[in-house]
Amino acid sequence: MFFQKLQLKALLTIFILSVFSFSTFSQEQPEENKIVSIIGTGDIMLGSNYPSDAQLPPSDGKELLREVKDILKDADVTFGNLEGCFLDKGGNVKKCKGNKCYFFRMPERYVNYLLEAGYDVMNIANDHMGDFGTPGRQNTVKVLKNAGINYAGLKDVCETSRFEIDGVKYGFVGFAPNAATVRITDIEYAKQLVSELDKDCDIVIVSFHGGAEGKNHNRVTRKTENYLGENRGNVYEFAHAVIDAGADVVFGHGPHVVRATELYKDRFIAYSLGNFCTAGEFNVSGISGYAPMVKVFTDKTGKFIKGEIISALQNDKKGPVLDPENKAAKEIKRLTESDFPETDLFISEDGKIIRKQDQNKLEQANLLFRKIEDEPEDLLDSENFPDLMSLYFDNTSSSIIAQNIIEFSRQFLGKPYRRGSKGPNAFDCSGFTSYVFKNFGYQLGAACVSQVNQGVKVGKEELKKGDLIFFKGRNAKSSRVGHVGIVVENDGAGNLMFIHASRRGVIIENLNASAYYKPRYVTGLRVL
């Protein structure tokens, strides 16, 4: 048996090395196989200057998106719903029927905050876009256009938008149940607009502001929803109809809380992204404060490949902050499993989104891995041997890559630290990790705060060679991630070695022997 086990492992090693060398070092993928990443966020209202500037957030709103902008910028396209108009003063103030009324008029200079955070396209079909009448809507279009941010959603004004990024042609259209918007309730017209976009665009993104509002309306009923006497649409029927017409990604918002996700005809639907950055009189307690960033990966035709829910929480008037407990992801997972048990989406506790069939393959691979270890003689004669090797490869290739990553990273020992440097002659911490992983086909974010959301979190005891390890910055009392390194070895006996670009240059240190880094440890992450 021992010889057979060695024989099997030898065959597997040959197979692994041949596949690994091809997949890792092959040339850039053909254009038709291009993978596109799209981030969607919910309602954005950066602070209102009505009735006076006293309602504006601290620091004039400059810090609102600081915690999340590196993540938002780490996509081909970043989308948000603009819940209010850009207007410095004036406008036709709406008349309210109820006792409580909200008026959202953002200073025009605040558009720069969206630009700096990487937003490419905004939905302007919603109720608060009309808070200051036609002047507010017209000026918002002007401000967005001057900033170079795409937009759509106003009836007969800017119903759709077309734009191109890195050779991919995108179409965008927004819908809502409100006056002067492209109506979510007119499904036939919605299908017509989407079909026209689909004719000359690679990927069509649809946004809708629909469904009843509030924490008691977080379920997708698959029926027409009415709220305060208004028809808010049948979001289930609408989303399916626009995908039938050619839409590829559908981002919903409007209920002010998150809702379920669904995969329909290989196209991704988020039924509500909730609120994202609403620096005003909004309830941000409990589920009302969940502020997810949903990142969807598709091929160039819009077909879903995988996704990720990056959880954040709204912090009153200070903007969204990353949530290490992943509350938004867990809530969307729960709602998806409840409302769409039939959908082919599996969402992990930390927000990774894959197809259920892919999750089943991973589980099968793990079983086969154990079988190869325990009963190799049964597998040598199996007619499924090639498939078993492929599945075994899925489980073992990461260790080979990890070893190569460590060997590659060691050549930079002694290179100097320089803030903002990405190598190869000098590095900062995230520049070092991104440079090393890029050489093995992995694209990490530009900063620690984005890298910490790009893998599966693992405990300190489970950290392995090639994992990322994260620390607080200089302020040990802050919860914000400020430093990153790569695990070199973890022997389980208190010796956890990691390589990183420190102020002393690129060095290898023992975590448990470091008076500085040991108390600053935050989490570990498995990217491979």
Protein backbone atom coordinates (compact mmCIF):
# COMPACT_ATOMS: atom_id res chain seq x y z
CA MET A 1 0.00 0.00 0.00
CA PHE A 2 2.83 2.38 0.83
CA PHE A 3 4.32 1.91 -2.66
CA GLN A 4 0.93 2.39 -4.31
CA LYS A 5 0.39 5.57 -2.35
CA LEU A 6 3.76 6.89 -3.49
CA GLN A 7 2.96 5.89 -7.05
CA LEU A 8 -0.34 7.72 -6.95
CA LYS A 9 1.23 10.79 -5.42
CA ALA A 10 3.98 10.74 -8.06
CA LEU A 11 1.39 10.66 -10.83
CA LEU A 12 -0.54 13.40 -9.11
CA THR A 13 2.59 15.50 -8.73
CA ILE A 14 3.35 15.22 -12.47
CA PHE A 15 -0.24 16.22 -13.23
CA ILE A 16 -0.21 19.08 -10.75
CA LEU A 17 3.07 20.51 -11.99
CA SER A 18 1.99 20.34 -15.63
CA VAL A 19 -1.33 22.04 -14.96
CA PHE A 20 0.21 24.52 -12.54
CA SER A 21 2.94 25.60 -14.94
CA PHE A 22 0.38 26.13 -17.69
CA SER A 23 -2.28 27.93 -15.66
CA THR A 24 0.05 30.19 -13.70
CA PHE A 25 2.51 31.30 -16.31
CA SER A 26 0.38 31.30 -19.47
CA GLN A 27 -0.07 34.52 -21.40
CA GLU A 28 -2.90 36.96 -20.73
CA GLN A 29 -6.33 35.48 -21.39
CA PRO A 30 -7.99 36.10 -24.78
CA GLU A 31 -10.28 39.13 -24.95
CA GLU A 32 -13.42 36.97 -25.22
CA ASN A 33 -12.49 35.35 -21.86
CA LYS A 34 -12.04 38.69 -20.10
CA ILE A 35 -13.37 38.77 -16.54
CA VAL A 36 -15.18 41.94 -15.50
CA SER A 37 -15.77 43.11 -11.92
CA ILE A 38 -18.72 45.32 -10.97
CA ILE A 39 -19.36 46.75 -7.49
CA GLY A 40 -22.85 47.83 -6.48
CA THR A 41 -23.79 49.91 -3.43
CA GLY A 42 -27.11 51.16 -2.12
CA ASP A 43 -28.46 54.62 -1.30
CA ILE A 44 -26.01 57.51 -1.13
CA MET A 45 -26.90 60.86 0.41
CA LEU A 46 -23.74 62.66 1.47
CA GLY A 47 -25.38 65.36 3.57
CA SER A 48 -28.06 67.97 2.96
CA ASN A 49 -27.60 71.75 2.98
CA TYR A 50 -31.35 72.27 3.41
CA PRO A 51 -32.64 74.14 5.31
CA SER A 52 -29.10 75.23 6.22
CA ASP A 53 -25.47 74.10 6.15
CA ALA A 54 -25.85 73.12 9.80
CA GLN A 55 -27.13 69.73 8.60
CA LEU A 56 -23.89 68.93 6.74
CA PRO A 57 -21.59 66.19 8.11
CA PRO A 58 -18.33 66.83 10.02
CA SER A 59 -15.27 67.92 7.99
CA ASP A 60 -17.65 69.01 5.23
CA GLY A 61 -18.14 65.34 4.28
CA LYS A 62 -14.53 64.76 3.24
CA GLU A 63 -14.19 61.67 5.48
CA LEU A 64 -17.48 59.96 4.58
CA LEU A 65 -16.05 57.43 2.09
CA ARG A 66 -12.49 57.31 3.43
CA GLU A 67 -12.80 53.86 5.02
CA VAL A 68 -14.17 52.16 1.90
CA LYS A 69 -12.81 54.05 -1.10
CA ASP A 70 -9.95 51.63 -1.74
CA ILE A 71 -12.48 48.82 -2.06
CA LEU A 72 -14.84 50.86 -4.24
CA LYS A 73 -12.00 51.72 -6.62
CA ASP A 74 -10.99 48.06 -6.93
CA ALA A 75 -13.46 47.18 -9.71
CA ASP A 76 -13.92 47.81 -13.41
CA VAL A 77 -17.25 49.53 -12.74
CA THR A 78 -18.57 50.94 -9.46
CA PHE A 79 -22.26 51.81 -9.12
CA GLY A 80 -24.38 53.62 -6.53
CA ASN A 81 -27.87 55.06 -6.09
CA LEU A 82 -27.79 58.83 -5.65
CA GLU A 83 -30.57 59.52 -3.13
CA GLY A 84 -30.92 63.27 -3.57
CA CYS A 85 -29.93 66.09 -5.88
CA PHE A 86 -26.77 68.18 -6.26
CA LEU A 87 -27.76 71.83 -5.79
CA ASP A 88 -26.07 74.56 -3.79
CA LYS A 89 -29.21 76.63 -3.23
CA GLY A 90 -32.73 77.26 -4.48
CA GLY A 91 -34.94 74.77 -6.28
CA ASN A 92 -38.65 74.06 -6.04
CA VAL A 93 -39.12 72.44 -2.63
CA LYS A 94 -41.58 69.54 -2.77
CA LYS A 95 -44.84 69.60 -0.84
CA CYS A 96 -45.38 66.80 1.65
CA LYS A 97 -48.59 65.02 2.52
CA GLY A 98 -47.49 63.43 5.79
CA ASN A 99 -46.16 64.80 9.07
CA LYS A 100 -42.56 63.70 8.49
CA CYS A 101 -40.81 64.81 5.34
CA TYR A 102 -37.21 64.62 4.15
CA PHE A 103 -35.44 67.01 1.78
CA PHE A 104 -32.05 66.01 0.38
CA ARG A 105 -30.02 68.71 -1.37
CA MET A 106 -26.30 67.96 -1.49
CA PRO A 107 -23.68 70.68 -2.11
CA GLU A 108 -22.39 70.47 -5.67
CA ARG A 109 -18.78 70.16 -4.49
CA TYR A 110 -19.65 66.82 -2.87
CA VAL A 111 -19.64 65.16 -6.29
CA ASN A 112 -15.85 65.12 -5.96
CA TYR A 113 -16.18 62.65 -3.08
CA LEU A 114 -17.93 60.20 -5.41
CA LEU A 115 -15.25 60.74 -8.03
CA GLU A 116 -12.41 60.20 -5.56
CA ALA A 117 -14.07 56.99 -4.33
CA GLY A 118 -14.13 55.54 -7.84
CA TYR A 119 -17.81 55.74 -8.74
CA ASP A 120 -18.38 55.31 -12.47
CA VAL A 121 -22.16 55.37 -12.77
CA MET A 122 -25.07 56.59 -10.61
CA ASN A 123 -28.75 55.84 -10.64
CA ILE A 124 -30.84 59.02 -10.43
CA ALA A 125 -34.25 57.35 -10.61
CA ASN A 126 -35.67 57.62 -7.08
CA ASP A 127 -38.06 59.69 -4.98
CA HIS A 128 -35.55 62.11 -3.44
CA MET A 129 -34.10 63.13 -6.79
CA GLY A 130 -37.28 65.22 -7.06
CA ASP A 131 -37.06 66.91 -3.64
CA PHE A 132 -36.23 70.24 -5.32
CA GLY A 133 -38.17 69.78 -8.51
CA THR A 134 -36.93 70.29 -12.05
CA PRO A 135 -34.08 72.66 -11.03
CA GLY A 136 -32.69 69.98 -8.71
CA ARG A 137 -32.88 67.24 -11.33
CA GLN A 138 -31.41 69.39 -14.09
CA ASN A 139 -28.52 70.60 -11.96
CA THR A 140 -27.72 67.06 -10.80
CA VAL A 141 -27.41 65.95 -14.43
CA LYS A 142 -25.13 68.91 -15.11
CA VAL A 143 -22.92 68.26 -12.07
CA LEU A 144 -22.54 64.54 -12.81
CA LYS A 145 -21.81 65.21 -16.48
CA ASN A 146 -19.13 67.80 -15.66
CA ALA A 147 -17.54 65.34 -13.21
CA GLY A 148 -17.43 62.59 -15.83
CA ILE A 149 -19.71 60.24 -13.89
CA ASN A 150 -22.30 58.35 -15.96
CA TYR A 151 -25.97 58.49 -14.94
CA ALA A 152 -29.46 57.48 -16.05
CA GLY A 153 -33.05 57.11 -14.87
CA LEU A 154 -35.00 60.31 -15.73
CA LYS A 155 -37.87 59.94 -18.17
CA ASP A 156 -37.31 61.67 -21.52
CA VAL A 157 -34.12 63.29 -20.17
CA CYS A 158 -31.51 60.60 -19.58
CA GLU A 159 -33.28 57.25 -19.61
CA THR A 160 -30.17 55.21 -20.47
CA SER A 161 -26.41 55.60 -20.58
CA ARG A 162 -23.66 53.96 -22.63
CA PHE A 163 -19.98 54.05 -21.69
CA GLU A 164 -16.79 52.10 -22.33
CA ILE A 165 -14.08 51.07 -19.84
CA ASP A 166 -10.99 49.05 -20.78
CA GLY A 167 -12.50 47.89 -24.05
CA VAL A 168 -15.80 46.69 -22.55
CA LYS A 169 -19.00 48.46 -23.61
CA TYR A 170 -21.54 48.96 -20.83
CA GLY A 171 -25.17 49.96 -20.97
CA PHE A 172 -26.99 51.31 -17.91
CA VAL A 173 -30.61 52.16 -17.14
CA GLY A 174 -32.38 53.08 -13.89
CA PHE A 175 -36.02 52.67 -12.83
CA ALA A 176 -38.26 53.85 -9.96
CA PRO A 177 -41.98 54.28 -9.20
CA ASN A 178 -41.66 58.06 -8.82
CA ALA A 179 -42.61 61.10 -10.91
CA ALA A 180 -40.20 62.09 -13.72
CA THR A 181 -38.37 58.73 -13.54
CA VAL A 182 -38.37 55.76 -15.90
CA ARG A 183 -41.16 53.73 -14.28
CA ILE A 184 -40.50 50.33 -12.75
CA THR A 185 -44.20 49.62 -13.17
CA ASP A 186 -44.03 49.89 -16.98
CA ILE A 187 -42.36 46.54 -17.59
CA GLU A 188 -42.91 46.52 -21.35
CA TYR A 189 -41.11 49.84 -21.75
CA ALA A 190 -38.35 48.61 -19.42
CA LYS A 191 -37.83 45.57 -21.64
CA GLN A 192 -37.69 47.82 -24.70
CA LEU A 193 -34.96 50.04 -23.20
CA VAL A 194 -32.89 47.06 -22.06
CA SER A 195 -33.23 45.33 -25.42
CA GLU A 196 -31.94 48.44 -27.21
CA LEU A 197 -28.91 48.60 -24.90
CA ASP A 198 -28.23 44.91 -25.38
CA LYS A 199 -27.84 45.38 -29.14
CA ASP A 200 -24.60 47.36 -28.91
CA CYS A 201 -23.32 46.79 -25.35
CA ASP A 202 -21.32 43.88 -23.95
CA ILE A 203 -22.81 44.16 -20.45
CA VAL A 204 -26.11 45.79 -19.46
CA ILE A 205 -26.53 46.92 -15.84
CA VAL A 206 -30.05 47.63 -14.56
CA SER A 207 -30.82 49.57 -11.39
CA PHE A 208 -34.22 49.80 -9.73
CA HIS A 209 -35.49 51.77 -6.75
CA GLY A 210 -38.48 49.69 -5.73
CA GLY A 211 -40.30 47.71 -3.10
CA ALA A 212 -41.81 48.71 0.24
CA GLU A 213 -39.59 50.45 2.82
CA GLY A 214 -38.32 49.56 6.27
CA LYS A 215 -37.02 46.67 8.33
CA ASN A 216 -40.40 44.93 8.14
CA HIS A 217 -40.13 44.80 4.36
CA ASN A 218 -36.87 42.93 3.87
CA ARG A 219 -38.42 39.94 2.09
CA VAL A 220 -38.97 39.48 -1.65
CA THR A 221 -42.68 38.68 -1.83
CA ARG A 222 -42.79 38.00 -5.61
CA LYS A 223 -45.91 40.19 -5.61
CA THR A 224 -46.70 43.84 -6.27
CA GLU A 225 -45.65 45.89 -3.25
CA ASN A 226 -47.55 48.96 -2.09
CA TYR A 227 -46.26 51.45 0.44
CA LEU A 228 -47.95 54.64 1.70
CA GLY A 229 -50.55 54.24 -1.00
CA GLU A 230 -48.02 54.02 -3.83
CA ASN A 231 -47.40 51.09 -6.19
CA ARG A 232 -43.70 50.30 -5.66
CA GLY A 233 -43.63 47.57 -8.31
CA ASN A 234 -43.24 43.81 -8.39
CA VAL A 235 -39.45 43.67 -8.13
CA TYR A 236 -39.28 39.90 -8.77
CA GLU A 237 -41.29 40.11 -11.98
CA PHE A 238 -39.39 43.22 -13.05
CA ALA A 239 -35.91 41.73 -12.49
CA HIS A 240 -36.74 38.57 -14.42
CA ALA A 241 -38.31 40.55 -17.25
CA VAL A 242 -35.28 42.81 -17.80
CA ILE A 243 -32.93 39.81 -17.76
CA ASP A 244 -35.17 38.13 -20.34
CA ALA A 245 -34.71 41.31 -22.41
CA GLY A 246 -30.90 41.28 -22.16
CA ALA A 247 -29.85 42.65 -18.74
CA ASP A 248 -26.76 41.04 -17.17
CA VAL A 249 -26.56 42.50 -13.63
CA VAL A 250 -29.52 43.90 -11.66
CA PHE A 251 -28.94 46.05 -8.57
CA GLY A 252 -31.99 46.92 -6.46
CA HIS A 253 -32.39 49.46 -3.64
CA GLY A 254 -35.20 51.43 -2.04
CA PRO A 255 -36.33 49.44 1.04
CA HIS A 256 -33.44 50.97 3.09
CA VAL A 257 -32.51 47.43 4.25
CA VAL A 258 -30.81 44.58 2.43
CA ARG A 259 -32.76 41.86 0.67
CA ALA A 260 -31.98 38.50 -0.92
CA THR A 261 -29.92 37.78 -4.02
CA GLU A 262 -30.77 35.44 -6.89
CA LEU A 263 -29.20 33.89 -9.97
CA TYR A 264 -31.58 33.84 -12.93
CA LYS A 265 -30.46 32.58 -16.35
CA ASP A 266 -26.82 32.92 -15.20
CA ARG A 267 -27.40 36.60 -14.36
CA PHE A 268 -27.02 38.11 -10.90
CA ILE A 269 -29.77 39.98 -9.05
CA ALA A 270 -29.43 41.86 -5.74
CA TYR A 271 -32.99 42.77 -4.70
CA SER A 272 -31.86 45.48 -2.30
CA LEU A 273 -28.43 46.80 -1.38
CA GLY A 274 -29.94 48.88 1.43
CA ASN A 275 -28.43 52.21 2.45
CA PHE A 276 -24.73 52.79 1.96
CA CYS A 277 -23.70 56.32 2.90
CA THR A 278 -26.60 58.39 4.20
CA ALA A 279 -25.28 61.20 6.37
CA GLY A 280 -28.56 62.64 7.53
CA GLU A 281 -31.66 61.85 9.55
CA PHE A 282 -31.50 58.12 8.85
CA ASN A 283 -31.88 55.23 11.25
CA VAL A 284 -28.57 53.32 11.22
CA SER A 285 -29.28 50.94 14.10
CA GLY A 286 -29.50 47.18 13.60
CA ILE A 287 -30.18 45.95 10.08
CA SER A 288 -30.91 49.55 9.00
CA GLY A 289 -27.20 50.25 9.33
CA TYR A 290 -25.98 47.38 7.14
CA ALA A 291 -24.07 48.89 4.20
CA PRO A 292 -22.80 46.14 1.88
CA MET A 293 -20.61 46.48 -1.18
CA VAL A 294 -21.57 43.67 -3.55
CA LYS A 295 -18.85 42.77 -6.04
CA VAL A 296 -19.91 40.69 -9.03
CA PHE A 297 -17.52 39.00 -11.45
CA THR A 298 -18.84 38.17 -14.93
CA ASP A 299 -17.40 37.21 -18.28
CA LYS A 300 -17.54 39.73 -21.11
CA THR A 301 -21.06 38.58 -22.01
CA GLY A 302 -22.36 39.28 -18.49
CA LYS A 303 -22.56 35.64 -17.38
CA PHE A 304 -22.06 35.29 -13.62
CA ILE A 305 -18.76 33.75 -12.48
CA LYS A 306 -18.57 34.54 -8.77
CA GLY A 307 -19.22 37.35 -6.31
CA GLU A 308 -18.44 38.78 -2.91
CA ILE A 309 -20.35 40.70 -0.26
CA ILE A 310 -18.02 43.09 1.55
CA SER A 311 -19.76 44.04 4.77
CA ALA A 312 -19.75 47.54 6.21
CA LEU A 313 -21.80 49.40 8.81
CA GLN A 314 -23.01 52.97 8.71
CA ASN A 315 -21.57 55.06 11.50
CA ASP A 316 -24.08 57.90 11.90
CA LYS A 317 -22.67 60.92 10.02
CA LYS A 318 -19.17 59.48 9.68
CA GLY A 319 -19.86 57.19 6.72
CA PRO A 320 -19.57 53.41 6.31
CA VAL A 321 -16.85 51.44 8.13
CA LEU A 322 -15.79 47.86 7.45
CA ASP A 323 -17.47 45.24 9.61
CA PRO A 324 -15.22 42.34 10.73
CA GLU A 325 -18.32 40.42 11.86
CA ASN A 326 -19.74 40.40 8.28
CA LYS A 327 -23.28 41.14 9.47
CA ALA A 328 -24.53 42.32 6.08
CA ALA A 329 -23.19 39.21 4.34
CA LYS A 330 -24.77 36.92 6.93
CA GLU A 331 -28.12 38.71 6.60
CA ILE A 332 -28.09 38.51 2.79
CA LYS A 333 -27.13 34.83 3.05
CA ARG A 334 -30.07 34.18 5.42
CA LEU A 335 -32.55 36.04 3.23
CA THR A 336 -31.32 34.36 0.05
CA GLU A 337 -31.69 30.90 1.56
CA SER A 338 -35.20 31.80 2.81
CA ASP A 339 -36.58 33.60 -0.24
CA PHE A 340 -34.80 31.73 -3.04
CA PRO A 341 -33.98 28.20 -1.88
CA GLU A 342 -34.05 27.11 -5.51
CA THR A 343 -31.40 29.57 -6.72
CA ASP A 344 -27.94 28.28 -7.68
CA LEU A 345 -26.09 30.59 -5.28
CA PHE A 346 -24.05 29.60 -2.25
CA ILE A 347 -23.05 32.44 0.11
CA SER A 348 -20.43 31.79 2.77
CA GLU A 349 -20.48 33.38 6.23
CA ASP A 350 -17.79 35.84 5.16
CA GLY A 351 -19.62 36.86 1.99
CA LYS A 352 -18.08 34.78 -0.82
CA ILE A 353 -20.66 33.98 -3.51
CA ILE A 354 -20.28 30.94 -5.77
CA ARG A 355 -22.64 28.56 -7.50
CA LYS A 356 -24.03 25.73 -5.40
CA GLN A 357 -22.66 23.24 -7.92
CA ASP A 358 -19.17 24.67 -7.37
CA GLN A 359 -19.61 24.36 -3.62
CA ASN A 360 -20.64 20.72 -4.10
CA LYS A 361 -17.49 20.13 -6.17
CA LEU A 362 -15.35 21.56 -3.39
CA GLU A 363 -16.97 19.27 -0.85
CA GLN A 364 -16.54 16.29 -3.18
CA ALA A 365 -12.90 17.20 -3.72
CA ASN A 366 -12.29 17.27 0.02
CA LEU A 367 -13.80 13.78 0.38
CA LEU A 368 -11.68 12.46 -2.47
CA PHE A 369 -8.58 14.02 -0.98
CA ARG A 370 -9.13 12.02 2.19
CA LYS A 371 -9.87 8.89 0.16
CA ILE A 372 -6.61 9.27 -1.77
CA GLU A 373 -4.77 9.52 1.51
CA ASP A 374 -6.50 6.50 3.08
CA GLU A 375 -7.27 4.07 0.22
CA PRO A 376 -4.92 4.75 -2.72
CA GLU A 377 -5.02 1.14 -4.02
CA ASP A 378 -8.74 1.44 -4.78
CA LEU A 379 -8.24 4.59 -6.80
CA LEU A 380 -5.32 3.47 -8.96
CA ASP A 381 -7.58 1.11 -10.90
CA SER A 382 -10.51 3.50 -11.05
CA GLU A 383 -11.78 4.57 -14.48
CA ASN A 384 -12.37 8.00 -12.91
CA PHE A 385 -8.67 8.43 -12.14
CA PRO A 386 -8.24 11.53 -14.41
CA ASP A 387 -11.17 13.24 -12.73
CA LEU A 388 -9.83 12.34 -9.32
CA MET A 389 -6.46 13.83 -10.20
CA SER A 390 -8.16 17.03 -11.31
CA LEU A 391 -10.10 17.29 -8.07
CA TYR A 392 -6.99 16.43 -6.03
CA PHE A 393 -5.19 19.19 -7.88
CA ASP A 394 -7.81 21.67 -6.73
CA ASN A 395 -6.93 20.81 -3.13
CA THR A 396 -3.16 20.55 -3.36
CA SER A 397 -2.11 23.18 -5.89
CA SER A 398 -2.37 25.94 -3.30
CA SER A 399 0.47 24.45 -1.26
CA ILE A 400 2.70 24.40 -4.34
CA ILE A 401 1.83 28.00 -5.13
CA ALA A 402 2.41 28.98 -1.49
CA GLN A 403 5.91 27.52 -1.53
CA ASN A 404 6.73 29.37 -4.74
CA ILE A 405 5.32 32.60 -3.31
CA ILE A 406 7.58 32.36 -0.27
CA GLU A 407 10.64 31.56 -2.36
CA PHE A 408 9.85 34.47 -4.70
CA SER A 409 9.29 36.91 -1.81
CA ARG A 410 12.60 36.07 -0.13
CA GLN A 411 14.59 37.64 -2.98
CA PHE A 412 13.39 41.07 -1.80
CA LEU A 413 14.74 40.75 1.74
CA GLY A 414 16.55 43.97 2.63
CA LYS A 415 14.75 46.11 0.05
CA PRO A 416 13.91 49.52 1.59
CA TYR A 417 10.50 50.69 2.78
CA ARG A 418 9.01 53.63 0.91
CA ARG A 419 5.41 54.78 1.41
CA GLY A 420 3.33 54.24 -1.73
CA SER A 421 5.99 52.15 -3.47
CA LYS A 422 4.87 49.01 -5.29
CA GLY A 423 8.29 47.51 -6.11
CA PRO A 424 10.50 46.01 -7.17
CA ASN A 425 13.21 48.27 -5.72
CA ALA A 426 11.22 49.58 -2.74
CA PHE A 427 7.87 48.73 -1.14
CA ASP A 428 5.27 49.71 1.36
CA CYS A 429 3.46 46.83 3.10
CA SER A 430 0.50 46.39 0.72
CA GLY A 431 2.69 47.21 -2.26
CA PHE A 432 4.90 44.26 -1.29
CA THR A 433 2.07 41.74 -0.92
CA SER A 434 0.31 42.87 -4.11
CA TYR A 435 3.58 42.74 -6.09
CA VAL A 436 4.40 39.21 -4.89
CA PHE A 437 0.91 37.79 -5.47
CA LYS A 438 0.58 39.51 -8.87
CA ASN A 439 3.51 37.42 -10.11
CA PHE A 440 1.40 34.32 -9.47
CA GLY A 441 -1.79 35.54 -11.14
CA TYR A 442 -3.52 37.01 -8.06
CA GLN A 443 -4.74 40.63 -8.14
CA LEU A 444 -4.74 42.10 -4.64
CA GLY A 445 -6.10 45.54 -3.83
CA ALA A 446 -3.83 48.55 -3.53
CA ALA A 447 -4.26 48.94 0.24
CA CYS A 448 -4.55 46.81 3.38
CA VAL A 449 -8.22 47.70 3.87
CA SER A 450 -9.11 46.24 0.48
CA GLN A 451 -6.79 43.22 0.72
CA VAL A 452 -8.36 42.14 4.01
CA ASN A 453 -11.61 41.44 2.14
CA GLN A 454 -10.12 39.37 -0.68
CA GLY A 455 -10.01 35.90 0.82
CA VAL A 456 -11.33 33.58 3.50
CA LYS A 457 -10.61 34.61 7.08
CA VAL A 458 -8.80 31.96 9.16
CA GLY A 459 -7.78 31.84 12.82
CA LYS A 460 -4.21 32.47 13.94
CA GLU A 461 -3.66 28.79 14.75
CA GLU A 462 -4.81 27.73 11.26
CA LEU A 463 -2.60 30.16 9.34
CA LYS A 464 -0.44 28.43 6.74
CA LYS A 465 2.42 29.29 4.44
CA GLY A 466 1.26 31.82 1.84
CA ASP A 467 -1.62 33.23 3.92
CA LEU A 468 -1.87 36.97 4.51
CA ILE A 469 -1.62 38.31 8.06
CA PHE A 470 -3.05 41.69 9.06
CA PHE A 471 -2.27 44.11 11.87
CA LYS A 472 -3.49 47.41 13.27
CA GLY A 473 -1.52 50.49 12.31
CA ARG A 474 0.48 52.66 14.67
CA ASN A 475 -2.59 53.35 16.81
CA ALA A 476 -3.00 50.05 18.66
CA LYS A 477 -6.38 51.17 20.05
CA SER A 478 -7.89 51.58 16.57
CA SER A 479 -9.73 48.68 14.95
CA ARG A 480 -8.61 49.79 11.48
CA VAL A 481 -6.26 47.48 9.57
CA GLY A 482 -2.98 49.26 8.86
CA HIS A 483 -0.35 46.66 7.98
CA VAL A 484 -0.06 43.34 6.10
CA GLY A 485 2.49 40.57 5.60
CA ILE A 486 2.78 37.02 4.23
CA VAL A 487 3.02 33.95 6.46
CA VAL A 488 6.30 32.08 5.90
CA GLU A 489 5.79 29.31 8.45
CA ASN A 490 3.53 28.38 11.36
CA ASP A 491 4.80 25.37 13.31
CA GLY A 492 1.93 25.34 15.80
CA ALA A 493 4.38 25.65 18.68
CA GLY A 494 4.33 29.43 18.94
CA ASN A 495 6.58 30.22 15.99
CA LEU A 496 4.60 32.11 13.36
CA MET A 497 7.03 33.63 10.89
CA PHE A 498 5.94 36.28 8.38
CA ILE A 499 7.67 38.35 5.72
CA HIS A 500 6.67 41.98 5.27
CA ALA A 501 7.78 45.43 4.21
CA SER A 502 8.40 47.13 7.54
CA ARG A 503 9.92 50.50 8.32
CA ARG A 504 13.21 48.59 8.49
CA GLY A 505 12.73 47.25 4.99
CA VAL A 506 11.60 43.79 3.86
CA ILE A 507 12.29 41.40 6.74
CA ILE A 508 11.06 38.13 8.27
CA GLU A 509 9.82 38.25 11.87
CA ASN A 510 8.37 35.91 14.48
CA LEU A 511 4.93 37.23 15.45
CA ASN A 512 4.98 35.84 18.97
CA ALA A 513 8.42 37.30 19.65
CA SER A 514 7.47 40.78 18.49
CA ALA A 515 6.43 43.22 21.20
CA TYR A 516 5.14 45.58 18.51
CA TYR A 517 3.16 43.30 16.17
CA LYS A 518 1.84 40.67 18.59
CA PRO A 519 -0.69 43.03 20.30
CA ARG A 520 -1.61 44.54 16.93
CA TYR A 521 -2.66 41.26 15.26
CA VAL A 522 -6.13 41.55 13.68
CA THR A 523 -6.79 38.55 11.43
CA GLY A 524 -5.42 36.09 8.91
CA LEU A 525 -6.65 35.58 5.36
CA ARG A 526 -6.37 32.71 2.88
CA VAL A 527 -6.21 33.93 -0.72
CA LEU A 528 -4.89 30.76 -2.37
